[in-house]
Structure formats: C-alpha cells, structure tokens
Amino acid sequence: MNLRSPAFVILFSVSLIAAGGNMALQSVLPAIGREFGLADTLVAGAFAISALMWTLTSPFWARMSDRLGRKRVMMIGLGGFIGSMAGFGLAATAGLEGWLGAAVAFALMAVARTVYGLFGSAAPIASQAYVADRTSTEDRTQAMSLLASAQGLGTVIGPALAPFFVLPIVGLAGPMYAFAAFGAVILWVVWRRLPSGDVVRTPSPSGRAPSEVGKGLWRDPRVRDYLLYGLMITGAQAINISVLGFHIIDEMAVGGMAASQAQPFIGVAMLAGAAATLMVQWGLIPMLRLQPADLMRWGAGLALLGNLMSIVAPGYFGVVVGYAVVSMGVGFARPGFTAGSSLAVGPHEQGAVAGLMMSLAGLSFLGPPVIGVALYEWSEPAPFVANSLLLAVAVAVCFLSVPLRRGPPDLPGRDETPSKSTPPASQPGPEGNS
C-alpha cells in the first residue's frame, strides 16, 4: 500500500476522528462530573463497563474483519462511534439543562459509552488489518507508525476544537455533537471511496479458517511479551489521561477558578501532549528509522521520566510538561509493540493480532483509570508514583524478554507482498462491499 494513496488517507481519517472525539470527551468529562456534583472516582468508574465491552468484543471484531471484510467492519465501528457520541451529548445536555436529574443523565451517558465499547474497536481493528494485508514487512513499521500518528493528530484536534463547540444551548456537550457529525462524514467517505479491503489470505497450516487461528494467540510466546508490555504502557497512559483533568481543575481552583472555566487549561495540556506525540511519530521515528525494540525502550523510558517529573513538579506547568514527556514516550512505544506483534506472526494471523492489540485499549481503561483517580483522591502524587513503578517494570521487560530484545523472528511467507490476484489498493471494489 502506498502511504500517500487515497485509501491510506481514508484509513488515517478514520483513526483521527475516533481519537479526536474521544479526547474531546475526555477533556470535558471532568468538568461535567464536577457540574453534576459527582465523585471523581464515580466519574472514572462509570465508564469501566465501556472498557470491558471493548475488551470483550475486540477479538470478535477481529474475526468479523476476516469473515466480512475490513471495509464492512470499519463501517460498523464508525456507526457505533456516531451513535455513542450523539447519545452521550443528548444525555449530557439533558442533565446540564436540568431536564433530567444528574444521576439519570449520567447513567444514560454511561449507556452511550457502553455502545461505543461494543462497536468502537471494530474500526481501528479493521484499519490495522487492512494496512497489514497490503504492506511488506519492510514497510509495515513505518505504515503502522503513520497510522498510529493519526491517533496523535486526533488528540491534538479533539482538545483544541472542544472549547469552540461549548456553545450556549448545548454547553459542555457541544463537542460530542460536533464529532458525531464529523464521524458521519467519514462514514460516507468510507462507504463510497474506500477500495475493497479483501486480499487473498494465506491459509493456516492447520487448515483452520483465519478467524480461528488467533483464538489462543494471547498465550503464544511470539506475541505474549508484546501484549504484556503494551498493557503496562497503555495502562499507565490511561491513568495519566484520567487524572489530568481533575488535577488541572484542582490547580486552577487554588486561584478561585470554577471547573467550567478550567476547560481551556485542560485543552492546552492535552494539546501539549498530543503535539509531543506527533513530533515523535511524524518526525523522530521516520528520521531515525528505529526498529520495534528500540521504540519500546525509548517509549517506556520517556513515559517513566514524565511521571517522575509530575511527582517533583506538581504545579500546572509541571503537570503540562510531565504529560508531554509521557506522551512522547507513548508515541514511541505504541507503534513499537503494534508493529512488533504484527511482524511476529504470519499473514493469516494479522486480523487476530490486530484484535489483541485493540483489546489492550479496553483493558487499559477498565481498571487503571479508577485506580488512578482513587489514588489521586487519596494523595496527589500517588498515581504518578504507581505509574513510575509500573513503567520501571516495562523498561525491565524490554531488556529481559528475549522476543522484545531480539525482535520478531523470520517467518516463512511473512514478507510476502499481496498476491498479484489481489485488486490493487487504488482500484475500488463494488460500492458498498468490502
């Protein structure tokens, strides 16, 4: 796949909009919780069910992307994103305007996020598998890094645009309506413009269907350590993201600022983190051409440094700089373990390993945010201390794990490019089909 092709641009846009919408929601969620008068831990915990659904459904959507095709599953995921964002916005508006009680409105918001948990993983899984289907091993790390950078750009766009959509009638729910509309546009583009994602897949040596090959892949020594490392990195990042808004609101409250007025400051902090991620994924990774093992080492080390900075410099500017350094680390780490796990398995297992990688996003937001916010309510530096210990283990895994230290082994047929019988990425298939 040509990284400048229209197909890749569309895949990039899918990841960008999903990340932008979720980060816009994350930027306003602490203020909504404070406006509703809810405990911070309850705000974080109410969405654990969404993360659980994401984790449980990711392997299912990986299998469906093998059976139904990448494009069709991508459209299902986008539909779930649109419905979830719109439903969340309606529930938030009803609560903020007093049409519903705060408890009822927040329960409906949790239901809307559960919808995203059920369907949201489908689009990124299908996008990653689409790219893996059509890239050689030599190009896959760069392709995965560029696709991951769409999430980084989304984390810039989401918090940056969110304050502009906080409008008089819809209030803090405005960003959700805006990103639901953006998602609808992208869904139309995928339906009409994305070429078919089907390729001629290599049958499994056991004769099983591709969707059945990866059911026990999470125990496979080829990818097990990548999953462990990825879980630690994404779990630490989830704690940082979940604590960030509450931390900044409390820092601003020292000067007498209300929670709703702190929104621009939260946006600035998230913007700094996203800009740091983009600097890594658009600048440093292509320039240095680091291999997955190097990306993971640098990633865990920088994320550890950022959390240590948040401990020793807890003021607003210390929080912003620390979060930016953490984001740099994640910018290195995510394409490292994603590309490394993809390269560690054969062509017939790409959908399955994509599902496993996406399930990490659900697992990381299942327990860590609740634990992190609870630690923050107990003691301000506590979540950053916990993250530092977790990331120190991740650094050690990079050097102690044989697969992570040596890199993926050479696999028969792994570096095969798509078959000549496969329709080229620039040639659309039948409209509406994948």
Protein backbone atom coordinates (compact mmCIF):
# COMPACT_ATOMS: atom_id res chain seq x y z
CA MET A 1 0.00 0.00 0.00
CA ASN A 2 1.28 3.44 -0.93
CA LEU A 3 1.19 5.62 2.17
CA ARG A 4 0.09 8.56 0.01
CA SER A 5 -2.75 6.68 -1.63
CA PRO A 6 -6.38 7.77 -1.17
CA ALA A 7 -7.08 4.51 0.68
CA PHE A 8 -4.46 5.22 3.33
CA VAL A 9 -5.69 8.81 3.70
CA ILE A 10 -9.18 7.45 4.41
CA LEU A 11 -7.85 4.99 6.99
CA PHE A 12 -5.88 7.83 8.55
CA SER A 13 -9.06 9.92 8.77
CA VAL A 14 -10.98 7.10 10.47
CA SER A 15 -8.42 6.87 13.27
CA LEU A 16 -8.12 10.65 13.51
CA ILE A 17 -11.84 11.28 14.02
CA ALA A 18 -12.23 8.48 16.56
CA ALA A 19 -9.25 9.69 18.60
CA GLY A 20 -10.33 13.32 18.31
CA GLY A 21 -13.83 12.59 19.53
CA ASN A 22 -12.67 10.52 22.48
CA MET A 23 -10.09 13.08 23.58
CA ALA A 24 -12.64 15.89 23.25
CA LEU A 25 -14.90 13.87 25.54
CA GLN A 26 -12.03 13.22 27.96
CA SER A 27 -11.28 16.95 28.07
CA VAL A 28 -14.84 17.92 29.12
CA LEU A 29 -15.73 14.88 31.22
CA PRO A 30 -14.11 16.08 34.49
CA ALA A 31 -15.95 19.41 34.22
CA ILE A 32 -19.25 17.63 33.53
CA GLY A 33 -18.70 15.39 36.56
CA ARG A 34 -17.96 18.38 38.78
CA GLU A 35 -21.04 20.23 37.42
CA PHE A 36 -23.16 17.18 38.28
CA GLY A 37 -21.62 17.09 41.77
CA LEU A 38 -20.36 13.51 41.34
CA ALA A 39 -17.31 11.98 43.00
CA ASP A 40 -14.26 11.84 40.74
CA THR A 41 -13.93 8.10 41.26
CA LEU A 42 -17.54 7.57 40.21
CA VAL A 43 -16.92 9.53 37.00
CA ALA A 44 -13.95 7.32 36.19
CA GLY A 45 -15.63 4.10 37.32
CA ALA A 46 -18.91 4.60 35.47
CA PHE A 47 -17.12 4.04 32.18
CA ALA A 48 -15.38 0.82 33.18
CA ILE A 49 -18.26 -1.08 31.57
CA SER A 50 -17.41 0.59 28.25
CA ALA A 51 -13.80 -0.53 28.56
CA LEU A 52 -14.95 -4.04 29.48
CA MET A 53 -17.15 -4.24 26.38
CA TRP A 54 -14.25 -3.00 24.22
CA THR A 55 -12.01 -5.72 25.62
CA LEU A 56 -14.56 -8.49 25.18
CA THR A 57 -15.64 -7.51 21.67
CA SER A 58 -12.20 -6.79 20.16
CA PRO A 59 -11.47 -10.47 19.33
CA PHE A 60 -14.98 -10.78 17.89
CA TRP A 61 -14.48 -7.82 15.54
CA ALA A 62 -11.08 -9.24 14.55
CA ARG A 63 -12.81 -12.44 13.46
CA MET A 64 -15.55 -10.48 11.72
CA SER A 65 -12.96 -8.47 9.80
CA ASP A 66 -11.66 -11.78 8.42
CA ARG A 67 -15.13 -13.03 7.54
CA LEU A 68 -16.96 -9.88 6.43
CA GLY A 69 -14.01 -7.87 5.14
CA ARG A 70 -12.13 -4.92 6.54
CA LYS A 71 -14.28 -2.19 5.00
CA ARG A 72 -17.61 -3.52 6.23
CA VAL A 73 -16.37 -3.92 9.80
CA MET A 74 -14.85 -0.44 9.64
CA MET A 75 -18.27 0.97 8.76
CA ILE A 76 -19.88 -0.88 11.68
CA GLY A 77 -17.33 0.65 14.04
CA LEU A 78 -17.91 4.14 12.71
CA GLY A 79 -21.65 3.70 13.12
CA GLY A 80 -21.13 2.77 16.77
CA PHE A 81 -18.92 5.82 17.29
CA ILE A 82 -21.53 8.17 15.80
CA GLY A 83 -24.39 6.73 17.86
CA SER A 84 -22.36 6.79 21.05
CA MET A 85 -21.17 10.38 20.68
CA ALA A 86 -24.63 11.67 19.79
CA GLY A 87 -26.27 9.74 22.64
CA PHE A 88 -23.67 10.94 25.13
CA GLY A 89 -24.23 14.53 24.02
CA LEU A 90 -28.01 14.28 24.38
CA ALA A 91 -27.74 12.79 27.87
CA ALA A 92 -25.20 15.41 28.98
CA THR A 93 -27.34 18.26 27.66
CA ALA A 94 -30.41 16.89 29.45
CA GLY A 95 -28.51 16.77 32.73
CA LEU A 96 -26.78 20.13 32.43
CA GLU A 97 -30.00 21.90 31.46
CA GLY A 98 -31.94 20.28 34.30
CA TRP A 99 -34.30 18.29 32.07
CA LEU A 100 -33.16 15.12 33.86
CA GLY A 101 -31.66 14.53 37.25
CA ALA A 102 -27.88 14.32 37.38
CA ALA A 103 -27.93 10.61 38.31
CA VAL A 104 -30.29 9.67 35.47
CA ALA A 105 -28.40 11.77 32.93
CA PHE A 106 -25.07 10.28 33.98
CA ALA A 107 -26.47 6.75 33.77
CA LEU A 108 -27.58 7.46 30.19
CA MET A 109 -24.12 8.84 29.41
CA ALA A 110 -22.64 5.57 30.69
CA VAL A 111 -25.03 3.63 28.44
CA ALA A 112 -23.90 5.70 25.45
CA ARG A 113 -20.28 4.91 26.23
CA THR A 114 -21.17 1.24 26.52
CA VAL A 115 -22.44 1.41 22.94
CA TYR A 116 -19.01 2.68 21.96
CA GLY A 117 -17.42 -0.16 23.92
CA LEU A 118 -19.47 -2.69 21.95
CA PHE A 119 -18.74 -1.31 18.48
CA GLY A 120 -15.86 1.14 18.79
CA SER A 121 -13.00 -1.33 18.44
CA ALA A 122 -14.24 -2.54 15.06
CA ALA A 123 -12.91 0.43 13.06
CA PRO A 124 -9.31 0.53 14.37
CA ILE A 125 -9.00 -3.27 14.18
CA ALA A 126 -10.16 -3.30 10.57
CA SER A 127 -7.90 -0.36 9.71
CA GLN A 128 -4.80 -2.02 11.18
CA ALA A 129 -5.58 -5.33 9.47
CA TYR A 130 -6.25 -3.52 6.17
CA VAL A 131 -2.77 -1.98 6.33
CA ALA A 132 -1.13 -5.27 7.38
CA ASP A 133 -2.80 -7.06 4.45
CA ARG A 134 -1.22 -4.69 1.95
CA THR A 135 2.27 -3.91 3.25
CA SER A 136 5.51 -5.86 3.20
CA THR A 137 7.49 -6.42 6.41
CA GLU A 138 9.98 -3.75 5.36
CA ASP A 139 7.26 -1.10 5.15
CA ARG A 140 4.97 -2.22 7.94
CA THR A 141 6.64 -0.47 10.87
CA GLN A 142 6.53 2.86 9.02
CA ALA A 143 2.91 2.26 7.95
CA MET A 144 1.81 1.31 11.46
CA SER A 145 3.65 4.32 12.89
CA LEU A 146 1.95 6.66 10.45
CA LEU A 147 -1.45 5.10 11.16
CA ALA A 148 -0.80 5.44 14.90
CA SER A 149 0.11 9.09 14.33
CA ALA A 150 -3.48 9.66 13.20
CA GLN A 151 -4.47 9.00 16.80
CA GLY A 152 -1.82 11.51 17.87
CA LEU A 153 -3.23 14.12 15.49
CA GLY A 154 -6.72 13.33 16.76
CA THR A 155 -5.58 14.03 20.30
CA VAL A 156 -4.44 17.44 19.06
CA ILE A 157 -7.65 18.22 17.20
CA GLY A 158 -10.04 16.97 19.90
CA PRO A 159 -8.94 19.13 22.85
CA ALA A 160 -8.11 22.06 20.55
CA LEU A 161 -11.58 22.14 18.98
CA ALA A 162 -13.59 21.19 22.07
CA PRO A 163 -13.72 24.72 23.59
CA PHE A 164 -15.08 26.15 20.30
CA PHE A 165 -18.08 23.79 20.45
CA VAL A 166 -19.01 24.62 24.06
CA LEU A 167 -21.96 26.73 22.89
CA PRO A 168 -24.77 28.47 24.83
CA ILE A 169 -27.52 25.90 24.21
CA VAL A 170 -25.57 22.63 24.18
CA GLY A 171 -22.88 23.73 26.65
CA LEU A 172 -20.21 21.16 27.52
CA ALA A 173 -21.99 18.56 25.35
CA GLY A 174 -21.30 20.52 22.16
CA PRO A 175 -18.04 18.72 21.26
CA MET A 176 -19.87 15.38 21.21
CA TYR A 177 -22.43 16.63 18.68
CA ALA A 178 -19.66 18.05 16.51
CA PHE A 179 -17.64 14.84 16.40
CA ALA A 180 -20.75 12.75 15.78
CA ALA A 181 -21.28 14.90 12.66
CA PHE A 182 -17.63 14.53 11.63
CA GLY A 183 -17.93 10.77 12.06
CA ALA A 184 -20.98 10.70 9.78
CA VAL A 185 -18.99 12.43 7.04
CA ILE A 186 -16.14 9.93 7.37
CA LEU A 187 -18.59 7.02 7.31
CA TRP A 188 -19.95 8.26 3.99
CA VAL A 189 -16.41 8.60 2.59
CA VAL A 190 -15.51 5.04 3.66
CA TRP A 191 -18.70 3.68 2.09
CA ARG A 192 -18.24 5.47 -1.22
CA ARG A 193 -14.49 5.82 -1.63
CA LEU A 194 -12.52 3.16 0.25
CA PRO A 195 -11.35 0.32 -2.02
CA SER A 196 -12.21 -3.23 -1.04
CA GLY A 197 -10.16 -4.49 1.87
CA ASP A 198 -10.23 -8.11 0.74
CA VAL A 199 -6.97 -9.85 -0.14
CA VAL A 200 -6.05 -13.44 -0.92
CA ARG A 201 -5.17 -14.70 2.56
CA THR A 202 -2.64 -17.40 3.29
CA PRO A 203 -4.46 -20.46 4.72
CA SER A 204 -3.39 -21.60 8.15
CA PRO A 205 -1.09 -24.65 8.24
CA SER A 206 -3.69 -26.50 10.29
CA GLY A 207 -6.34 -25.87 7.68
CA ARG A 208 -8.45 -23.75 10.01
CA ALA A 209 -10.09 -20.57 8.88
CA PRO A 210 -8.10 -17.36 9.52
CA SER A 211 -10.64 -16.21 12.08
CA GLU A 212 -10.00 -19.35 14.16
CA VAL A 213 -6.20 -19.16 14.13
CA GLY A 214 -5.78 -16.40 16.70
CA LYS A 215 -8.15 -17.61 19.41
CA GLY A 216 -5.23 -18.71 21.60
CA LEU A 217 -2.78 -16.13 20.29
CA TRP A 218 -2.67 -14.23 23.58
CA ARG A 219 -0.78 -17.22 25.06
CA ASP A 220 1.56 -17.54 22.08
CA PRO A 221 5.19 -16.83 23.10
CA ARG A 222 5.67 -14.90 19.85
CA VAL A 223 3.34 -12.10 20.98
CA ARG A 224 2.80 -12.65 24.71
CA ASP A 225 5.54 -10.25 25.84
CA TYR A 226 4.38 -7.60 23.37
CA LEU A 227 0.94 -7.81 24.93
CA LEU A 228 2.35 -7.58 28.46
CA TYR A 229 4.44 -4.56 27.55
CA GLY A 230 1.56 -2.92 25.70
CA LEU A 231 -0.77 -3.43 28.65
CA MET A 232 1.67 -1.72 31.02
CA ILE A 233 2.21 1.22 28.67
CA THR A 234 -1.46 1.76 27.84
CA GLY A 235 -2.47 1.26 31.48
CA ALA A 236 -0.05 3.95 32.64
CA GLN A 237 -1.23 6.27 29.87
CA ALA A 238 -4.87 5.69 30.89
CA ILE A 239 -4.04 6.76 34.44
CA ASN A 240 -2.32 9.92 33.21
CA ILE A 241 -5.23 10.84 30.93
CA SER A 242 -7.91 10.14 33.56
CA VAL A 243 -6.17 12.11 36.33
CA LEU A 244 -5.12 15.04 34.13
CA GLY A 245 -8.43 16.94 34.00
CA PHE A 246 -9.15 16.64 37.73
CA HIS A 247 -5.57 17.63 38.55
CA ILE A 248 -5.74 20.80 36.45
CA ILE A 249 -9.19 21.74 37.78
CA ASP A 250 -7.83 21.49 41.32
CA GLU A 251 -4.71 23.50 40.45
CA MET A 252 -6.87 26.24 38.91
CA ALA A 253 -9.29 26.14 41.87
CA VAL A 254 -6.47 27.40 44.10
CA GLY A 255 -6.86 30.72 42.28
CA GLY A 256 -10.64 30.67 42.59
CA MET A 257 -11.40 29.35 39.08
CA ALA A 258 -14.57 27.27 38.53
CA ALA A 259 -14.42 23.83 36.94
CA SER A 260 -16.06 25.00 33.69
CA GLN A 261 -13.57 27.88 33.41
CA ALA A 262 -10.62 25.47 33.64
CA GLN A 263 -11.59 23.83 30.34
CA PRO A 264 -9.13 25.87 28.17
CA PHE A 265 -6.28 24.95 30.53
CA ILE A 266 -7.13 21.26 30.22
CA GLY A 267 -7.17 21.70 26.44
CA VAL A 268 -3.71 23.30 26.49
CA ALA A 269 -2.29 20.40 28.50
CA MET A 270 -3.81 17.80 26.17
CA LEU A 271 -2.62 19.81 23.17
CA ALA A 272 0.94 19.79 24.53
CA GLY A 273 0.82 16.02 24.97
CA ALA A 274 -0.59 15.47 21.51
CA ALA A 275 1.99 17.77 19.91
CA ALA A 276 4.75 15.80 21.63
CA THR A 277 3.30 12.56 20.27
CA LEU A 278 3.17 13.96 16.73
CA MET A 279 6.74 15.22 16.96
CA VAL A 280 7.80 11.65 17.72
CA GLN A 281 5.64 9.86 15.18
CA TRP A 282 5.93 12.32 12.31
CA GLY A 283 9.48 13.50 12.92
CA LEU A 284 11.73 11.34 15.04
CA ILE A 285 10.54 7.85 14.07
CA PRO A 286 10.77 8.40 10.26
CA MET A 287 14.08 10.23 10.66
CA LEU A 288 15.74 7.70 12.96
CA ARG A 289 14.07 4.62 11.41
CA LEU A 290 14.13 2.82 14.75
CA GLN A 291 13.16 -0.83 14.99
CA PRO A 292 10.32 -2.01 17.29
CA ALA A 293 12.71 -3.00 20.10
CA ASP A 294 14.29 0.48 20.14
CA LEU A 295 10.89 2.18 20.01
CA MET A 296 9.71 0.22 23.04
CA ARG A 297 12.82 1.00 25.09
CA TRP A 298 12.67 4.73 24.38
CA GLY A 299 8.92 4.73 24.91
CA ALA A 300 8.91 3.15 28.35
CA GLY A 301 11.90 5.23 29.48
CA LEU A 302 10.38 8.57 28.47
CA ALA A 303 6.98 7.70 29.95
CA LEU A 304 8.75 6.85 33.22
CA LEU A 305 10.60 10.19 33.14
CA GLY A 306 7.37 12.13 32.54
CA ASN A 307 5.69 10.59 35.59
CA LEU A 308 8.72 11.34 37.75
CA MET A 309 8.52 14.97 36.59
CA SER A 310 4.87 15.13 37.66
CA ILE A 311 5.92 14.00 41.15
CA VAL A 312 8.66 16.58 41.68
CA ALA A 313 6.87 19.50 39.90
CA PRO A 314 3.14 19.21 40.73
CA GLY A 315 2.12 22.75 39.67
CA TYR A 316 0.22 23.48 36.46
CA PHE A 317 3.27 23.91 34.25
CA GLY A 318 4.92 20.86 35.76
CA VAL A 319 1.78 18.85 35.01
CA VAL A 320 1.77 20.06 31.38
CA VAL A 321 5.46 19.31 30.78
CA GLY A 322 5.27 15.94 32.54
CA TYR A 323 2.22 14.93 30.50
CA ALA A 324 4.00 15.99 27.29
CA VAL A 325 7.01 13.80 28.11
CA VAL A 326 4.71 10.86 28.91
CA SER A 327 3.01 11.41 25.56
CA MET A 328 6.38 11.37 23.79
CA GLY A 329 7.07 8.02 25.38
CA VAL A 330 3.74 6.59 24.32
CA GLY A 331 4.37 7.99 20.82
CA PHE A 332 7.46 5.78 20.60
CA ALA A 333 6.00 2.78 22.41
CA ARG A 334 2.66 2.26 20.68
CA PRO A 335 3.97 1.76 17.11
CA GLY A 336 6.79 -0.32 18.62
CA PHE A 337 4.65 -3.01 20.21
CA THR A 338 1.98 -2.80 17.49
CA ALA A 339 4.41 -3.29 14.61
CA GLY A 340 6.49 -5.81 16.58
CA SER A 341 3.49 -8.05 17.27
CA SER A 342 2.34 -7.78 13.64
CA LEU A 343 5.77 -8.79 12.36
CA ALA A 344 5.94 -11.70 14.82
CA VAL A 345 3.04 -13.58 13.21
CA GLY A 346 2.15 -14.83 9.76
CA PRO A 347 -0.14 -13.25 7.13
CA HIS A 348 -3.13 -15.41 8.14
CA GLU A 349 -2.97 -14.11 11.74
CA GLN A 350 -2.99 -10.37 11.08
CA GLY A 351 -6.68 -9.88 11.87
CA ALA A 352 -6.31 -11.81 15.13
CA VAL A 353 -3.25 -9.93 16.33
CA ALA A 354 -4.92 -6.62 15.42
CA GLY A 355 -7.82 -7.62 17.65
CA LEU A 356 -5.48 -8.42 20.51
CA MET A 357 -3.72 -5.08 20.18
CA MET A 358 -7.05 -3.24 20.21
CA SER A 359 -8.22 -5.21 23.25
CA LEU A 360 -5.37 -3.57 25.16
CA ALA A 361 -7.13 -0.23 24.80
CA GLY A 362 -10.16 -1.69 26.56
CA LEU A 363 -8.15 -3.41 29.28
CA SER A 364 -6.14 -0.27 29.97
CA PHE A 365 -9.32 1.75 30.62
CA LEU A 366 -11.01 -0.99 32.63
CA GLY A 367 -9.21 -0.79 35.96
CA PRO A 368 -6.32 1.73 35.75
CA PRO A 369 -8.39 4.96 35.48
CA VAL A 370 -10.50 4.04 38.52
CA ILE A 371 -7.39 3.06 40.49
CA GLY A 372 -5.53 6.18 39.34
CA VAL A 373 -8.33 8.61 40.26
CA ALA A 374 -8.86 6.85 43.61
CA LEU A 375 -5.14 7.21 44.32
CA TYR A 376 -5.32 10.86 43.32
CA GLU A 377 -8.20 11.50 45.74
CA TRP A 378 -6.10 9.87 48.47
CA SER A 379 -2.86 11.71 47.67
CA GLU A 380 -1.95 13.96 44.73
CA PRO A 381 1.39 12.30 43.79
CA ALA A 382 0.14 8.72 44.38
CA PRO A 383 -0.98 7.90 40.79
CA PHE A 384 2.32 9.15 39.37
CA VAL A 385 4.28 7.06 41.88
CA ALA A 386 2.26 3.99 40.89
CA ASN A 387 2.86 4.72 37.21
CA SER A 388 6.59 5.11 37.80
CA LEU A 389 6.77 1.65 39.37
CA LEU A 390 4.73 0.13 36.53
CA LEU A 391 6.85 1.76 33.83
CA ALA A 392 10.08 0.69 35.54
CA VAL A 393 8.85 -2.87 35.10
CA ALA A 394 8.10 -2.13 31.42
CA VAL A 395 11.66 -0.90 30.92
CA ALA A 396 12.99 -4.08 32.52
CA VAL A 397 10.80 -6.25 30.27
CA CYS A 398 12.32 -4.58 27.20
CA PHE A 399 15.76 -5.83 28.20
CA LEU A 400 14.87 -9.15 29.86
CA SER A 401 12.36 -10.53 27.33
CA VAL A 402 14.08 -12.45 24.54
CA PRO A 403 11.40 -11.68 21.87
CA LEU A 404 11.42 -7.95 22.71
CA ARG A 405 15.21 -7.78 22.92
CA ARG A 406 15.95 -9.65 19.67
CA GLY A 407 12.92 -8.57 17.65
CA PRO A 408 10.48 -10.73 15.67
CA PRO A 409 11.88 -13.91 14.08
CA ASP A 410 11.87 -14.55 10.35
CA LEU A 411 8.68 -16.39 9.43
CA PRO A 412 8.00 -18.33 6.24
CA GLY A 413 5.87 -16.23 3.93
CA ARG A 414 5.81 -13.30 6.32
CA ASP A 415 7.45 -10.90 3.90
CA GLU A 416 5.25 -11.80 1.03
CA THR A 417 3.52 -8.83 -0.55
CA PRO A 418 -0.13 -9.15 -1.56
CA SER A 419 -0.81 -11.58 -4.35
CA LYS A 420 -0.98 -10.42 -7.96
CA SER A 421 -4.55 -11.61 -7.98
CA THR A 422 -5.39 -9.12 -5.26
CA PRO A 423 -7.04 -5.96 -6.59
CA PRO A 424 -4.66 -3.02 -6.13
CA ALA A 425 -5.41 -0.59 -3.31
CA SER A 426 -6.06 2.20 -5.78
CA GLN A 427 -8.79 0.25 -7.56
CA PRO A 428 -12.16 0.38 -5.79
CA GLY A 429 -14.24 -2.73 -5.39
CA PRO A 430 -18.02 -2.81 -5.73
CA GLU A 431 -19.60 0.12 -3.93
CA GLY A 432 -20.88 -0.72 -0.51
CA ASN A 433 -18.98 -4.02 -0.37
CA SER A 434 -15.77 -4.86 1.38
